[in-house]
Amino acid sequence: MLFSSITFLFLFLPIVLAVYYIVPYKAKNIILLAASLLFYAWGEPVYVILMILSILFNYFCGQDIRERGDDPRRAKMSLIFALTGNILILGFFKYFPFLMETLNAMLPEDIPYRELALPVGISFYTFQAISYLLDIYWKRAEAQKNILQFALYISMFPKLTAGPIVRYADIAEQLRSRRMSPARFGQGAMHFIIGLAKKTVIANTAGEVFEEIAAMPAGNLSILTAWLGVISFAFQIYFDFSGYSDMAVGLGKMFGFEFRKNFDYPYTSKSVTEFWRRWHISLSTWFREYVYIPLGGNQCTVSRNIFNLMVVWTLTGMWHGAAWNFIAWGVYYGVILVTEKYMWGAILENLPKIVQHIYTAVIVLVGWVFFFSPSLGYAMRYLLAMVGGGAGIADARGAFILLTHWLMYLIAVIGSSNFGLRIIRGAVGSFRSQTAQTVAGAVVYIGMFLISVAFLVTDTFNPFLYFRF
């Protein structure tokens, strides 16, 4: 079930909120857990069993690590067993088809295999479970004794299918006790509406443009059309994923939880290093805390630090998808970040800000080509078209897209910075009385919600890119 669906907005969410606020405080976790399992089973009726098994497996592994905490050797063995189990489950569903496809390409005869559908959100809830186990082992957090609270931590529907990746230590206290108020609920509703508008109004529109361009052979693309394609995808994936994250944060507030923001206007960055501090913050933080630092981080020799960075970014690429284009995407960013750190980073800082922004934008857009391409060969052909190796500088198709979608691109540019939010706040704050500001704010957000619903009703194009990860 998508957050940006009529069923969720007008059936699932109102019923769950009504029941959640009616029942006694002690029953709220039970209601939210039941709603989360139903939410997942709505689209994954079989794989909800897999998630329940994952919850039970990690709960008892966490207890085992805690009980063996006084014996480092036995605790480490328990941790290795638990991590191996999680990685094998994730690897089987996500990487087994890729492995078999690679083997069959190398062998004289194909090995038959059955490709299973990827369970939605498995990368997200598995990474949460791994962080929980490691935090117990490193004594950063206490093992959760209440299995219902642990199950809610793993399965909570606002963050279940596409993050953000929430560390157990960050919400352990909130699972036991949290404060709910009309003010917090209202803040959550505003977060949710902003995310919904990002997704339905901008991401879906940009996605339709990208799909139209992607359907054309790369060799037939002019420079203009090729660049419009990758720019459209850049806006689609940003407003798609950041919109979903905003909705998740908003839903969390509505149920009394505080999740950290997952995006911080990454397209305003002046370097690729800064971009990855602002994009998918929860994933970057996870890899830093649980892979990069344990490998030695930057407290080591230059060669070792380069190795650590390349390992992290190769794994980041693999996390996003089981295909060579994702691995190439990860390696691409690893190389860029290494060179920024050890070669031209200092030079970049001394360049005019506009040059820094252009540099970062070009690097990121080239990276998106590897990300959306079905193969490395297609990526190379698309990149060639972006520099003139296709159908010339401009064509009628590119001009038509630009003329008919210029407003969407303008709104997307404004929405990619905090300027759009400042416009809303400025308009609401222009009224002198608090009552007028409250009414104006309500009108603005209700209007955004109605426009979003209108887009949902009239447009059948409503994918969510990160569900496949």
Protein backbone atom coordinates (compact mmCIF):
# COMPACT_ATOMS: atom_id res chain seq x y z
CA MET A 1 0.00 0.00 0.00
CA LEU A 2 1.35 3.41 -0.96
CA PHE A 3 1.01 6.45 1.29
CA SER A 4 0.03 8.30 -1.87
CA SER A 5 -3.06 6.20 -2.56
CA ILE A 6 -6.75 6.85 -2.09
CA THR A 7 -7.12 3.66 -0.05
CA PHE A 8 -4.44 4.74 2.43
CA LEU A 9 -5.57 8.37 2.68
CA PHE A 10 -9.30 7.82 3.08
CA LEU A 11 -9.61 4.32 4.54
CA PHE A 12 -6.54 2.87 6.25
CA LEU A 13 -5.05 5.97 7.90
CA PRO A 14 -8.30 7.50 9.28
CA ILE A 15 -9.41 4.18 10.79
CA VAL A 16 -6.02 3.46 12.36
CA LEU A 17 -5.72 6.98 13.79
CA ALA A 18 -9.25 6.85 15.21
CA VAL A 19 -8.70 3.50 16.91
CA TYR A 20 -5.19 4.48 18.07
CA TYR A 21 -6.42 7.61 19.86
CA ILE A 22 -9.53 5.96 21.31
CA VAL A 23 -7.87 2.97 22.99
CA PRO A 24 -6.10 3.25 26.38
CA TYR A 25 -2.43 4.22 26.34
CA LYS A 26 -1.25 0.67 27.13
CA ALA A 27 -3.02 -0.67 24.06
CA LYS A 28 -1.59 1.86 21.58
CA ASN A 29 1.51 -0.20 20.75
CA ILE A 30 -0.65 -3.25 20.10
CA ILE A 31 -2.93 -1.29 17.76
CA LEU A 32 0.02 0.25 15.91
CA LEU A 33 1.71 -3.16 15.58
CA ALA A 34 -1.48 -4.77 14.25
CA ALA A 35 -1.93 -1.89 11.80
CA SER A 36 1.67 -2.23 10.65
CA LEU A 37 1.33 -5.95 9.98
CA LEU A 38 -1.93 -5.32 8.12
CA PHE A 39 -0.29 -2.51 6.12
CA TYR A 40 2.51 -4.84 5.03
CA ALA A 41 0.22 -7.81 4.39
CA TRP A 42 -1.98 -5.61 2.18
CA GLY A 43 0.62 -5.76 -0.56
CA GLU A 44 2.84 -8.62 0.66
CA PRO A 45 0.47 -11.28 2.13
CA VAL A 46 3.11 -14.02 1.91
CA TYR A 47 6.17 -12.01 2.88
CA VAL A 48 4.58 -10.73 6.06
CA ILE A 49 5.44 -14.20 7.40
CA LEU A 50 9.07 -13.60 6.45
CA MET A 51 9.06 -10.31 8.33
CA ILE A 52 7.52 -11.93 11.42
CA LEU A 53 10.20 -14.65 11.30
CA SER A 54 12.85 -11.93 10.99
CA ILE A 55 11.40 -10.21 14.06
CA LEU A 56 11.48 -13.43 16.11
CA PHE A 57 14.97 -14.36 14.90
CA ASN A 58 16.48 -10.98 15.75
CA TYR A 59 14.64 -10.67 19.04
CA PHE A 60 16.03 -13.96 20.37
CA CYS A 61 19.47 -13.27 18.90
CA GLY A 62 19.50 -9.95 20.73
CA GLN A 63 18.63 -11.70 23.97
CA ASP A 64 21.37 -14.25 23.36
CA ILE A 65 24.00 -11.56 22.75
CA ARG A 66 22.90 -9.80 25.93
CA GLU A 67 23.09 -12.97 28.04
CA ARG A 68 26.58 -13.75 26.73
CA GLY A 69 27.80 -10.19 27.16
CA ASP A 70 30.19 -11.11 29.97
CA ASP A 71 31.96 -13.61 27.75
CA PRO A 72 33.36 -11.68 24.74
CA ARG A 73 34.14 -14.80 22.71
CA ARG A 74 30.67 -16.32 23.08
CA ALA A 75 28.99 -12.94 22.52
CA LYS A 76 30.98 -12.51 19.31
CA MET A 77 29.96 -15.97 18.12
CA SER A 78 26.30 -15.11 18.77
CA LEU A 79 26.69 -11.85 16.87
CA ILE A 80 28.32 -13.58 13.90
CA PHE A 81 25.50 -16.13 13.82
CA ALA A 82 22.86 -13.39 13.92
CA LEU A 83 24.53 -11.24 11.27
CA THR A 84 25.05 -14.25 9.02
CA GLY A 85 21.37 -15.15 9.28
CA ASN A 86 20.26 -11.63 8.33
CA ILE A 87 22.73 -11.34 5.46
CA LEU A 88 21.78 -14.76 4.07
CA ILE A 89 18.07 -13.90 4.11
CA LEU A 90 18.68 -10.53 2.44
CA GLY A 91 21.17 -12.06 0.02
CA PHE A 92 18.85 -14.87 -1.04
CA PHE A 93 15.91 -12.67 -1.90
CA LYS A 94 17.84 -9.71 -3.28
CA TYR A 95 21.06 -11.07 -4.79
CA PHE A 96 20.47 -14.74 -5.63
CA PRO A 97 18.90 -13.99 -9.06
CA PHE A 98 21.78 -11.62 -9.88
CA LEU A 99 24.32 -14.27 -8.86
CA MET A 100 22.65 -16.94 -10.98
CA GLU A 101 22.35 -14.59 -13.94
CA THR A 102 26.07 -13.78 -13.68
CA LEU A 103 27.01 -17.46 -13.39
CA ASN A 104 24.86 -18.40 -16.38
CA ALA A 105 26.56 -15.71 -18.44
CA MET A 106 29.92 -17.35 -17.67
CA LEU A 107 28.95 -21.02 -17.97
CA PRO A 108 28.38 -22.91 -21.25
CA GLU A 109 24.91 -24.00 -20.13
CA ASP A 110 22.33 -22.20 -18.02
CA ILE A 111 21.56 -23.39 -14.50
CA PRO A 112 17.76 -23.24 -14.10
CA TYR A 113 16.49 -21.24 -11.12
CA ARG A 114 13.28 -19.63 -9.94
CA GLU A 115 13.33 -15.88 -9.40
CA LEU A 116 11.22 -14.77 -6.44
CA ALA A 117 9.68 -11.33 -6.05
CA LEU A 118 11.73 -9.05 -3.81
CA PRO A 119 9.98 -8.49 -0.45
CA VAL A 120 9.15 -4.80 -0.16
CA GLY A 121 11.30 -2.98 2.38
CA ILE A 122 13.53 -5.97 3.19
CA SER A 123 16.70 -3.87 2.88
CA PHE A 124 15.34 -1.29 5.31
CA TYR A 125 14.08 -3.56 8.08
CA THR A 126 17.09 -5.89 7.78
CA PHE A 127 19.50 -2.96 8.22
CA GLN A 128 17.51 -1.85 11.26
CA ALA A 129 17.81 -5.32 12.76
CA ILE A 130 21.57 -5.43 12.09
CA SER A 131 22.09 -2.03 13.74
CA TYR A 132 20.09 -3.25 16.76
CA LEU A 133 22.27 -6.35 17.16
CA LEU A 134 25.53 -4.43 16.75
CA ASP A 135 24.45 -1.77 19.25
CA ILE A 136 23.73 -4.49 21.82
CA TYR A 137 27.09 -6.13 21.16
CA TRP A 138 28.93 -2.80 21.45
CA LYS A 139 26.83 -2.01 24.56
CA ARG A 140 25.38 1.12 23.00
CA ALA A 141 21.87 -0.10 23.73
CA GLU A 142 20.09 -2.55 25.98
CA ALA A 143 18.38 -5.56 24.45
CA GLN A 144 14.63 -5.08 24.30
CA LYS A 145 12.92 -7.56 26.62
CA ASN A 146 9.39 -6.72 25.47
CA ILE A 147 8.89 -8.59 22.20
CA LEU A 148 5.89 -6.44 21.23
CA GLN A 149 7.99 -3.27 21.47
CA PHE A 150 10.76 -4.87 19.42
CA ALA A 151 8.25 -6.07 16.82
CA LEU A 152 6.88 -2.53 16.58
CA TYR A 153 10.39 -1.14 16.14
CA ILE A 154 10.99 -3.41 13.13
CA SER A 155 7.55 -3.27 11.55
CA MET A 156 6.18 0.24 12.28
CA PHE A 157 4.39 1.08 9.04
CA PRO A 158 5.41 4.76 8.65
CA LYS A 159 9.03 3.68 8.13
CA LEU A 160 8.60 0.03 7.20
CA THR A 161 8.69 -0.12 3.44
CA ALA A 162 11.10 2.69 2.54
CA GLY A 163 12.70 4.06 5.67
CA PRO A 164 14.12 6.17 7.04
CA ILE A 165 16.43 3.63 8.68
CA VAL A 166 15.89 4.30 12.37
CA ARG A 167 18.39 3.15 14.99
CA TYR A 168 16.80 1.35 17.91
CA ALA A 169 18.63 3.55 20.43
CA ASP A 170 16.96 6.62 18.91
CA ILE A 171 13.41 5.46 19.61
CA ALA A 172 13.83 2.90 22.44
CA GLU A 173 12.40 5.33 24.99
CA GLN A 174 9.60 6.36 22.62
CA LEU A 175 8.51 2.73 22.29
CA ARG A 176 7.93 2.69 26.04
CA SER A 177 6.54 6.18 26.51
CA ARG A 178 5.84 9.06 24.16
CA ARG A 179 4.02 12.35 24.28
CA MET A 180 1.10 13.04 21.99
CA SER A 181 -0.54 16.42 21.61
CA PRO A 182 -2.71 18.35 19.14
CA ALA A 183 0.30 20.55 18.28
CA ARG A 184 2.50 17.58 17.44
CA PHE A 185 -0.31 15.96 15.47
CA GLY A 186 -0.74 19.17 13.49
CA GLN A 187 3.00 19.37 12.78
CA GLY A 188 2.89 15.77 11.61
CA ALA A 189 -0.06 16.47 9.33
CA MET A 190 1.80 19.40 7.74
CA HIS A 191 4.91 17.24 7.18
CA PHE A 192 2.72 14.57 5.63
CA ILE A 193 0.90 16.99 3.29
CA ILE A 194 4.17 18.52 2.08
CA GLY A 195 5.52 15.03 1.35
CA LEU A 196 2.30 14.03 -0.39
CA ALA A 197 2.45 17.12 -2.62
CA LYS A 198 6.10 16.43 -3.46
CA LYS A 199 5.20 12.91 -4.51
CA THR A 200 1.96 13.43 -6.40
CA VAL A 201 2.46 16.85 -7.98
CA ILE A 202 6.18 16.95 -8.80
CA ALA A 203 7.64 13.42 -8.67
CA ASN A 204 4.88 11.77 -10.67
CA THR A 205 4.89 14.54 -13.31
CA ALA A 206 8.69 14.42 -13.65
CA GLY A 207 8.50 10.63 -13.76
CA GLU A 208 6.10 10.68 -16.72
CA VAL A 209 8.51 12.92 -18.64
CA PHE A 210 11.42 10.63 -17.82
CA GLU A 211 9.49 7.52 -18.86
CA GLU A 212 8.67 9.13 -22.19
CA ILE A 213 12.33 9.96 -22.86
CA ALA A 214 13.64 6.64 -21.53
CA ALA A 215 11.39 4.79 -23.98
CA MET A 216 13.35 6.33 -26.87
CA PRO A 217 16.55 4.61 -28.10
CA ALA A 218 19.54 6.36 -26.55
CA GLY A 219 21.09 6.87 -29.97
CA ASN A 220 18.04 8.90 -31.06
CA LEU A 221 18.31 11.41 -28.22
CA SER A 222 19.54 14.93 -28.85
CA ILE A 223 21.69 16.67 -26.25
CA LEU A 224 18.67 18.68 -25.09
CA THR A 225 16.39 15.65 -24.76
CA ALA A 226 19.05 13.53 -23.04
CA TRP A 227 19.71 16.23 -20.45
CA LEU A 228 15.98 16.81 -19.92
CA GLY A 229 15.64 13.05 -19.33
CA VAL A 230 18.28 12.84 -16.63
CA ILE A 231 17.13 16.11 -15.03
CA SER A 232 13.56 14.76 -14.96
CA PHE A 233 14.77 11.57 -13.30
CA ALA A 234 16.78 13.61 -10.77
CA PHE A 235 13.66 15.50 -9.79
CA GLN A 236 11.53 12.36 -9.80
CA ILE A 237 13.75 10.37 -7.47
CA TYR A 238 14.36 13.31 -5.13
CA PHE A 239 10.73 14.37 -4.74
CA ASP A 240 9.61 10.73 -4.75
CA PHE A 241 11.93 9.63 -1.96
CA SER A 242 12.15 12.85 0.06
CA GLY A 243 8.36 13.14 -0.23
CA TYR A 244 7.96 9.63 1.14
CA SER A 245 10.42 10.43 3.95
CA ASP A 246 8.48 13.59 4.80
CA MET A 247 5.28 11.55 4.94
CA ALA A 248 7.01 8.98 7.18
CA VAL A 249 8.28 11.68 9.55
CA GLY A 250 4.83 13.27 9.57
CA LEU A 251 3.06 9.99 10.30
CA GLY A 252 5.56 9.32 13.08
CA LYS A 253 4.66 12.64 14.72
CA MET A 254 0.95 11.89 14.36
CA PHE A 255 1.52 8.68 16.34
CA GLY A 256 3.82 10.36 18.86
CA PHE A 257 7.23 9.36 17.44
CA GLU A 258 10.13 11.56 16.39
CA PHE A 259 12.16 10.37 13.37
CA ARG A 260 15.20 12.24 12.14
CA LYS A 261 14.96 13.95 8.77
CA ASN A 262 16.26 11.93 5.83
CA PHE A 263 16.94 14.74 3.32
CA ASP A 264 18.36 18.24 3.73
CA TYR A 265 18.05 19.92 0.31
CA PRO A 266 20.87 17.87 -1.29
CA TYR A 267 20.63 19.58 -4.68
CA THR A 268 21.87 22.82 -3.10
CA SER A 269 25.22 21.18 -2.24
CA LYS A 270 28.55 22.66 -3.32
CA SER A 271 30.41 19.33 -3.42
CA VAL A 272 29.62 15.64 -3.81
CA THR A 273 30.81 15.06 -0.24
CA GLU A 274 28.24 17.59 0.96
CA PHE A 275 25.59 16.04 -1.29
CA TRP A 276 25.95 12.69 0.47
CA ARG A 277 25.67 14.35 3.86
CA ARG A 278 22.29 15.66 2.75
CA TRP A 279 20.88 12.77 0.65
CA HIS A 280 19.30 9.70 2.31
CA ILE A 281 20.91 10.72 5.60
CA SER A 282 19.80 7.60 7.48
CA LEU A 283 21.52 5.27 4.99
CA SER A 284 24.73 7.33 4.91
CA THR A 285 24.74 7.38 8.72
CA TRP A 286 24.16 3.63 8.85
CA PHE A 287 27.12 2.86 6.58
CA ARG A 288 29.33 5.30 8.48
CA GLU A 289 28.45 3.87 11.90
CA TYR A 290 28.32 0.17 11.06
CA VAL A 291 30.78 -0.27 8.17
CA TYR A 292 33.12 2.69 7.67
CA ILE A 293 34.13 3.31 11.30
CA PRO A 294 34.50 -0.41 12.19
CA LEU A 295 36.80 -0.76 9.16
CA GLY A 296 38.98 1.99 10.58
CA GLY A 297 37.31 5.09 9.18
CA ASN A 298 39.84 7.82 8.54
CA GLN A 299 41.95 6.98 11.59
CA CYS A 300 44.38 5.05 9.44
CA THR A 301 46.78 5.38 6.52
CA VAL A 302 45.68 7.07 3.30
CA SER A 303 45.69 3.78 1.37
CA ARG A 304 43.59 2.09 4.04
CA ASN A 305 41.16 5.01 4.13
CA ILE A 306 40.75 4.82 0.35
CA PHE A 307 40.08 1.10 0.69
CA ASN A 308 37.48 1.77 3.41
CA LEU A 309 35.70 4.36 1.27
CA MET A 310 35.62 2.10 -1.77
CA VAL A 311 34.23 -0.80 0.28
CA VAL A 312 31.48 1.41 1.71
CA TRP A 313 30.46 2.80 -1.66
CA THR A 314 30.56 -0.54 -3.44
CA LEU A 315 28.24 -1.88 -0.73
CA THR A 316 26.07 1.23 -1.03
CA GLY A 317 25.65 0.54 -4.73
CA MET A 318 24.82 -3.10 -4.05
CA TRP A 319 22.29 -2.10 -1.38
CA HIS A 320 20.36 -0.14 -3.97
CA GLY A 321 20.09 -3.01 -6.40
CA ALA A 322 21.42 -6.36 -7.55
CA ALA A 323 22.78 -5.30 -10.94
CA TRP A 324 26.10 -4.19 -12.39
CA ASN A 325 24.83 -0.67 -13.05
CA PHE A 326 24.23 -0.16 -9.31
CA ILE A 327 27.68 -1.50 -8.47
CA ALA A 328 29.15 0.87 -11.09
CA TRP A 329 27.13 3.70 -9.55
CA GLY A 330 28.57 2.93 -6.11
CA VAL A 331 32.14 2.65 -7.40
CA TYR A 332 31.65 5.89 -9.36
CA TYR A 333 30.78 7.77 -6.19
CA GLY A 334 33.56 6.08 -4.25
CA VAL A 335 36.10 7.33 -6.78
CA ILE A 336 34.61 10.85 -6.81
CA LEU A 337 34.63 11.09 -3.01
CA VAL A 338 38.20 9.79 -2.76
CA THR A 339 39.41 12.32 -5.33
CA GLU A 340 37.52 15.14 -3.62
CA LYS A 341 39.13 14.23 -0.33
CA TYR A 342 42.69 13.74 -1.51
CA MET A 343 43.04 15.62 -4.81
CA TRP A 344 40.81 18.53 -5.76
CA GLY A 345 38.67 19.12 -2.65
CA ALA A 346 40.78 22.05 -1.44
CA ILE A 347 40.82 23.58 -4.94
CA LEU A 348 37.04 23.19 -5.21
CA GLU A 349 36.48 25.11 -1.97
CA ASN A 350 38.28 28.14 -3.39
CA LEU A 351 36.22 28.29 -6.59
CA PRO A 352 33.19 30.62 -6.93
CA LYS A 353 30.05 29.12 -5.38
CA ILE A 354 28.25 28.99 -8.73
CA VAL A 355 31.07 26.85 -10.14
CA GLN A 356 30.87 24.54 -7.11
CA HIS A 357 27.12 24.13 -7.62
CA ILE A 358 27.50 23.42 -11.35
CA TYR A 359 30.30 20.90 -10.70
CA THR A 360 28.19 19.05 -8.13
CA ALA A 361 25.08 19.08 -10.30
CA VAL A 362 26.93 17.61 -13.30
CA ILE A 363 28.57 14.88 -11.21
CA VAL A 364 25.25 13.92 -9.61
CA LEU A 365 23.36 13.92 -12.93
CA VAL A 366 25.97 11.68 -14.54
CA GLY A 367 25.62 9.38 -11.54
CA TRP A 368 21.85 9.15 -12.05
CA VAL A 369 22.45 7.81 -15.56
CA PHE A 370 24.19 4.75 -14.08
CA PHE A 371 21.39 4.48 -11.53
CA PHE A 372 18.42 4.40 -13.90
CA SER A 373 20.04 2.48 -16.77
CA PRO A 374 18.98 -1.15 -17.29
CA SER A 375 22.57 -2.03 -18.27
CA LEU A 376 26.05 -0.54 -18.39
CA GLY A 377 25.89 -0.54 -22.18
CA TYR A 378 22.76 1.59 -22.12
CA ALA A 379 24.40 3.94 -19.60
CA MET A 380 27.34 4.48 -21.92
CA ARG A 381 25.05 5.16 -24.89
CA TYR A 382 22.97 7.60 -22.85
CA LEU A 383 26.06 9.45 -21.58
CA LEU A 384 27.31 9.64 -25.17
CA ALA A 385 24.00 11.21 -26.23
CA MET A 386 24.41 13.84 -23.47
CA VAL A 387 27.62 15.08 -25.13
CA GLY A 388 26.42 15.00 -28.71
CA GLY A 389 26.76 11.36 -29.72
CA GLY A 390 23.06 10.96 -30.44
CA ALA A 391 20.76 13.04 -32.65
CA GLY A 392 22.45 16.41 -32.54
CA ILE A 393 22.07 19.37 -30.21
CA ALA A 394 18.28 19.72 -30.08
CA ASP A 395 15.18 18.20 -31.63
CA ALA A 396 11.44 18.82 -31.74
CA ARG A 397 10.73 16.32 -28.97
CA GLY A 398 13.07 18.02 -26.51
CA ALA A 399 11.74 21.48 -27.40
CA PHE A 400 8.14 20.29 -26.96
CA ILE A 401 8.88 18.76 -23.54
CA LEU A 402 10.62 21.93 -22.39
CA LEU A 403 7.80 24.20 -23.58
CA THR A 404 5.02 22.07 -22.07
CA HIS A 405 6.73 21.29 -18.75
CA TRP A 406 8.70 24.46 -17.96
CA LEU A 407 6.43 25.21 -14.99
CA MET A 408 7.05 21.78 -13.50
CA TYR A 409 10.82 22.30 -13.81
CA LEU A 410 10.52 25.75 -12.20
CA ILE A 411 8.49 24.39 -9.28
CA ALA A 412 10.94 21.51 -8.90
CA VAL A 413 13.91 23.89 -8.79
CA ILE A 414 12.20 26.03 -6.15
CA GLY A 415 11.15 22.96 -4.17
CA SER A 416 14.68 21.57 -4.21
CA SER A 417 15.78 24.38 -1.87
CA ASN A 418 14.24 25.83 1.26
CA PHE A 419 12.96 28.76 -0.81
CA GLY A 420 9.60 27.06 -1.39
CA LEU A 421 9.02 26.54 2.34
CA ARG A 422 10.11 30.11 3.02
CA ILE A 423 7.48 31.33 0.52
CA ILE A 424 4.75 29.39 2.36
CA ARG A 425 5.90 30.60 5.77
CA GLY A 426 6.24 34.15 4.51
CA ALA A 427 2.72 34.15 3.07
CA VAL A 428 1.23 32.76 6.28
CA GLY A 429 3.34 35.01 8.50
CA SER A 430 2.27 38.14 6.61
CA PHE A 431 -0.94 38.18 8.63
CA ARG A 432 -0.65 40.08 11.89
CA SER A 433 -2.91 38.12 14.21
CA GLN A 434 -2.20 34.56 15.34
CA THR A 435 -5.75 33.56 14.43
CA ALA A 436 -5.37 34.83 10.88
CA GLN A 437 -2.05 33.03 10.53
CA THR A 438 -3.67 29.80 11.75
CA VAL A 439 -6.54 30.14 9.29
CA ALA A 440 -4.16 31.04 6.43
CA GLY A 441 -1.94 28.05 7.25
CA ALA A 442 -4.95 25.74 7.30
CA VAL A 443 -6.11 27.07 3.93
CA VAL A 444 -2.63 26.58 2.40
CA TYR A 445 -2.19 23.02 3.64
CA ILE A 446 -5.76 21.96 2.92
CA GLY A 447 -5.32 23.39 -0.57
CA MET A 448 -2.09 21.40 -1.04
CA PHE A 449 -3.87 18.26 0.13
CA LEU A 450 -6.82 18.75 -2.22
CA ILE A 451 -4.51 19.43 -5.17
CA SER A 452 -2.55 16.26 -4.33
CA VAL A 453 -5.76 14.21 -4.19
CA ALA A 454 -6.87 15.70 -7.52
CA PHE A 455 -3.58 14.56 -9.08
CA LEU A 456 -4.09 11.07 -7.61
CA VAL A 457 -7.63 10.81 -8.96
CA THR A 458 -6.82 12.03 -12.47
CA ASP A 459 -3.38 10.42 -12.95
CA THR A 460 -2.75 6.67 -13.07
CA PHE A 461 1.06 7.10 -12.98
CA ASN A 462 1.96 6.65 -9.30
CA PRO A 463 5.04 4.45 -8.84
CA PHE A 464 7.42 4.56 -5.90
CA LEU A 465 11.05 4.02 -6.90
CA TYR A 466 12.50 2.95 -3.55
CA PHE A 467 10.02 0.12 -3.03
CA ARG A 468 12.31 -2.07 -5.15
CA PHE A 469 15.23 -1.55 -2.75
